[in-house]
Amino acid sequence: MSWLARSPEQLGAHIKHLRQQRGLSQSQPADLAATRQETVSIIERGHGRANISTPLALLPAPDAAPSLP
């Protein structure tokens, strides 16, 4: 699948879509990315100035399991 974000809002919407598709709360990927749930919320809404490594850490690997243990 090819996907390109052209704005923070598009990137946030994509991250939210992937998270919801996997049935995860905002806290679960936040824990994995070593950040707070509030940061995930801000990123998903396309607000704030997150360090680029934070949104990237929230994107699952292509072969990631659909849910957390």
N, C-alpha and C. Protein backbone atom coordinates (compact mmCIF):
# COMPACT_ATOMS: atom_id res chain seq x y z
N MET A 1 0.84 -1.17 0.00
CA MET A 1 0.00 0.00 0.00
C MET A 1 0.89 1.24 0.00
N SER A 2 0.61 2.17 -0.87
CA SER A 2 1.35 3.41 -0.96
C SER A 2 0.50 4.52 -0.34
N TRP A 3 1.12 5.36 0.47
CA TRP A 3 0.39 6.42 1.14
C TRP A 3 1.32 7.60 1.35
N LEU A 4 0.81 8.81 1.18
CA LEU A 4 1.61 10.01 1.33
C LEU A 4 0.82 11.05 2.11
N ALA A 5 1.43 11.59 3.16
CA ALA A 5 0.81 12.66 3.93
C ALA A 5 1.34 13.99 3.42
N ARG A 6 0.45 14.90 3.15
CA ARG A 6 0.84 16.22 2.67
C ARG A 6 0.65 17.30 3.72
N SER A 7 0.16 16.91 4.90
CA SER A 7 -0.03 17.88 5.97
C SER A 7 -0.03 17.14 7.31
N PRO A 8 0.17 17.87 8.40
CA PRO A 8 0.09 17.23 9.72
C PRO A 8 -1.28 16.61 9.97
N GLU A 9 -2.33 17.25 9.44
CA GLU A 9 -3.68 16.73 9.61
C GLU A 9 -3.83 15.37 8.92
N GLN A 10 -3.29 15.23 7.71
CA GLN A 10 -3.37 13.97 6.98
C GLN A 10 -2.57 12.87 7.69
N LEU A 11 -1.39 13.22 8.19
CA LEU A 11 -0.59 12.24 8.91
C LEU A 11 -1.33 11.80 10.17
N GLY A 12 -1.88 12.74 10.91
CA GLY A 12 -2.63 12.43 12.13
C GLY A 12 -3.84 11.55 11.85
N ALA A 13 -4.57 11.87 10.79
CA ALA A 13 -5.74 11.07 10.42
C ALA A 13 -5.34 9.65 10.06
N HIS A 14 -4.21 9.50 9.39
CA HIS A 14 -3.74 8.17 9.00
C HIS A 14 -3.32 7.37 10.24
N ILE A 15 -2.62 8.01 11.15
CA ILE A 15 -2.21 7.34 12.38
C ILE A 15 -3.44 6.91 13.17
N LYS A 16 -4.44 7.80 13.26
CA LYS A 16 -5.67 7.46 13.97
C LYS A 16 -6.39 6.30 13.31
N HIS A 17 -6.48 6.32 11.99
CA HIS A 17 -7.13 5.23 11.25
C HIS A 17 -6.45 3.89 11.53
N LEU A 18 -5.13 3.87 11.47
CA LEU A 18 -4.39 2.62 11.72
C LEU A 18 -4.59 2.14 13.16
N ARG A 19 -4.58 3.08 14.10
CA ARG A 19 -4.79 2.71 15.50
C ARG A 19 -6.17 2.12 15.72
N GLN A 20 -7.19 2.78 15.18
CA GLN A 20 -8.56 2.31 15.34
C GLN A 20 -8.79 0.98 14.62
N GLN A 21 -8.17 0.83 13.47
CA GLN A 21 -8.28 -0.42 12.71
C GLN A 21 -7.77 -1.59 13.54
N ARG A 22 -6.80 -1.35 14.38
CA ARG A 22 -6.21 -2.40 15.22
C ARG A 22 -6.91 -2.51 16.58
N GLY A 23 -7.90 -1.65 16.82
CA GLY A 23 -8.65 -1.71 18.06
C GLY A 23 -7.87 -1.25 19.28
N LEU A 24 -6.94 -0.31 19.07
CA LEU A 24 -6.10 0.16 20.16
C LEU A 24 -6.61 1.48 20.72
N SER A 25 -6.40 1.68 22.00
CA SER A 25 -6.66 2.98 22.61
C SER A 25 -5.49 3.89 22.29
N GLN A 26 -5.61 5.16 22.57
CA GLN A 26 -4.48 6.08 22.36
C GLN A 26 -3.35 5.79 23.33
N SER A 27 -3.66 5.26 24.48
CA SER A 27 -2.63 4.97 25.49
C SER A 27 -1.70 3.84 25.07
N GLN A 28 -2.22 2.85 24.35
CA GLN A 28 -1.39 1.71 23.98
C GLN A 28 -0.24 2.10 23.05
N PRO A 29 -0.49 2.76 21.92
CA PRO A 29 0.66 3.16 21.10
C PRO A 29 1.52 4.23 21.79
N ALA A 30 0.91 5.05 22.65
CA ALA A 30 1.70 6.05 23.39
C ALA A 30 2.73 5.35 24.26
N ASP A 31 2.33 4.29 24.94
CA ASP A 31 3.27 3.53 25.76
C ASP A 31 4.39 2.95 24.92
N LEU A 32 4.05 2.39 23.76
CA LEU A 32 5.07 1.80 22.89
C LEU A 32 6.03 2.86 22.33
N ALA A 33 5.52 4.07 22.11
CA ALA A 33 6.35 5.15 21.57
C ALA A 33 7.01 5.98 22.67
N ALA A 34 6.83 5.57 23.91
CA ALA A 34 7.41 6.27 25.07
C ALA A 34 6.97 7.73 25.10
N THR A 35 5.66 7.94 24.94
CA THR A 35 5.10 9.28 25.03
C THR A 35 3.79 9.20 25.81
N ARG A 36 3.07 10.30 25.89
CA ARG A 36 1.83 10.35 26.65
C ARG A 36 0.62 10.21 25.73
N GLN A 37 -0.49 9.79 26.29
CA GLN A 37 -1.74 9.67 25.53
C GLN A 37 -2.13 11.03 24.96
N GLU A 38 -1.91 12.08 25.72
CA GLU A 38 -2.25 13.43 25.26
C GLU A 38 -1.47 13.80 23.99
N THR A 39 -0.23 13.34 23.90
CA THR A 39 0.58 13.61 22.71
C THR A 39 0.00 12.90 21.50
N VAL A 40 -0.46 11.67 21.68
CA VAL A 40 -1.09 10.93 20.58
C VAL A 40 -2.34 11.68 20.12
N SER A 41 -3.12 12.17 21.04
CA SER A 41 -4.33 12.92 20.70
C SER A 41 -3.99 14.17 19.88
N ILE A 42 -2.98 14.89 20.30
CA ILE A 42 -2.55 16.10 19.59
C ILE A 42 -2.09 15.77 18.18
N ILE A 43 -1.30 14.71 18.05
CA ILE A 43 -0.79 14.30 16.73
C ILE A 43 -1.93 13.86 15.82
N GLU A 44 -2.86 13.07 16.37
CA GLU A 44 -3.98 12.58 15.55
C GLU A 44 -4.87 13.72 15.05
N ARG A 45 -4.92 14.81 15.80
CA ARG A 45 -5.71 15.97 15.37
C ARG A 45 -4.93 16.89 14.45
N GLY A 46 -3.64 16.59 14.24
CA GLY A 46 -2.83 17.42 13.35
C GLY A 46 -2.39 18.71 13.99
N HIS A 47 -2.43 18.78 15.33
CA HIS A 47 -2.04 19.98 16.05
C HIS A 47 -0.66 19.81 16.66
N GLY A 48 -0.10 20.89 17.08
CA GLY A 48 1.16 20.85 17.80
C GLY A 48 2.35 20.64 16.90
N ARG A 49 3.47 20.71 17.51
CA ARG A 49 4.73 20.53 16.79
C ARG A 49 5.47 19.36 17.41
N ALA A 50 5.06 18.18 17.04
CA ALA A 50 5.71 16.98 17.58
C ALA A 50 7.05 16.77 16.89
N ASN A 51 7.98 16.25 17.62
CA ASN A 51 9.24 15.80 17.03
C ASN A 51 8.88 14.74 16.00
N ILE A 52 9.47 14.76 14.84
CA ILE A 52 9.10 13.83 13.76
C ILE A 52 9.23 12.37 14.18
N SER A 53 10.10 12.08 15.12
CA SER A 53 10.25 10.70 15.56
C SER A 53 9.02 10.20 16.31
N THR A 54 8.26 11.09 16.95
CA THR A 54 7.08 10.65 17.69
C THR A 54 5.98 10.14 16.77
N PRO A 55 5.54 10.89 15.75
CA PRO A 55 4.53 10.32 14.85
C PRO A 55 5.03 9.06 14.14
N LEU A 56 6.30 9.04 13.78
CA LEU A 56 6.83 7.86 13.11
C LEU A 56 6.80 6.64 14.03
N ALA A 57 7.04 6.85 15.31
CA ALA A 57 7.00 5.75 16.27
C ALA A 57 5.58 5.22 16.45
N LEU A 58 4.58 6.06 16.17
CA LEU A 58 3.19 5.64 16.30
C LEU A 58 2.70 4.83 15.11
N LEU A 59 3.40 4.92 13.98
CA LEU A 59 3.03 4.15 12.81
C LEU A 59 3.50 2.71 13.00
N PRO A 60 2.61 1.76 12.81
CA PRO A 60 3.01 0.36 13.02
C PRO A 60 3.91 -0.13 11.90
N ALA A 61 4.73 -1.09 12.24
CA ALA A 61 5.55 -1.75 11.22
C ALA A 61 4.61 -2.51 10.29
N PRO A 62 5.00 -2.69 9.01
CA PRO A 62 4.12 -3.38 8.06
C PRO A 62 3.69 -4.77 8.52
N ASP A 63 4.54 -5.45 9.29
CA ASP A 63 4.20 -6.80 9.73
C ASP A 63 3.76 -6.84 11.19
N ALA A 64 3.36 -5.69 11.73
CA ALA A 64 2.98 -5.62 13.15
C ALA A 64 1.70 -6.39 13.41
N ALA A 65 1.63 -6.96 14.58
CA ALA A 65 0.42 -7.68 15.00
C ALA A 65 -0.74 -6.69 15.11
N PRO A 66 -1.97 -7.12 14.87
CA PRO A 66 -3.11 -6.22 14.90
C PRO A 66 -3.48 -5.71 16.28
N SER A 67 -2.95 -6.30 17.34
CA SER A 67 -3.26 -5.83 18.68
C SER A 67 -2.11 -6.11 19.62
N LEU A 68 -2.18 -5.48 20.78
CA LEU A 68 -1.16 -5.67 21.80
C LEU A 68 -1.54 -6.82 22.70
N PRO A 69 -0.55 -7.47 23.32
CA PRO A 69 -0.88 -8.55 24.26
C PRO A 69 -1.62 -8.05 25.48
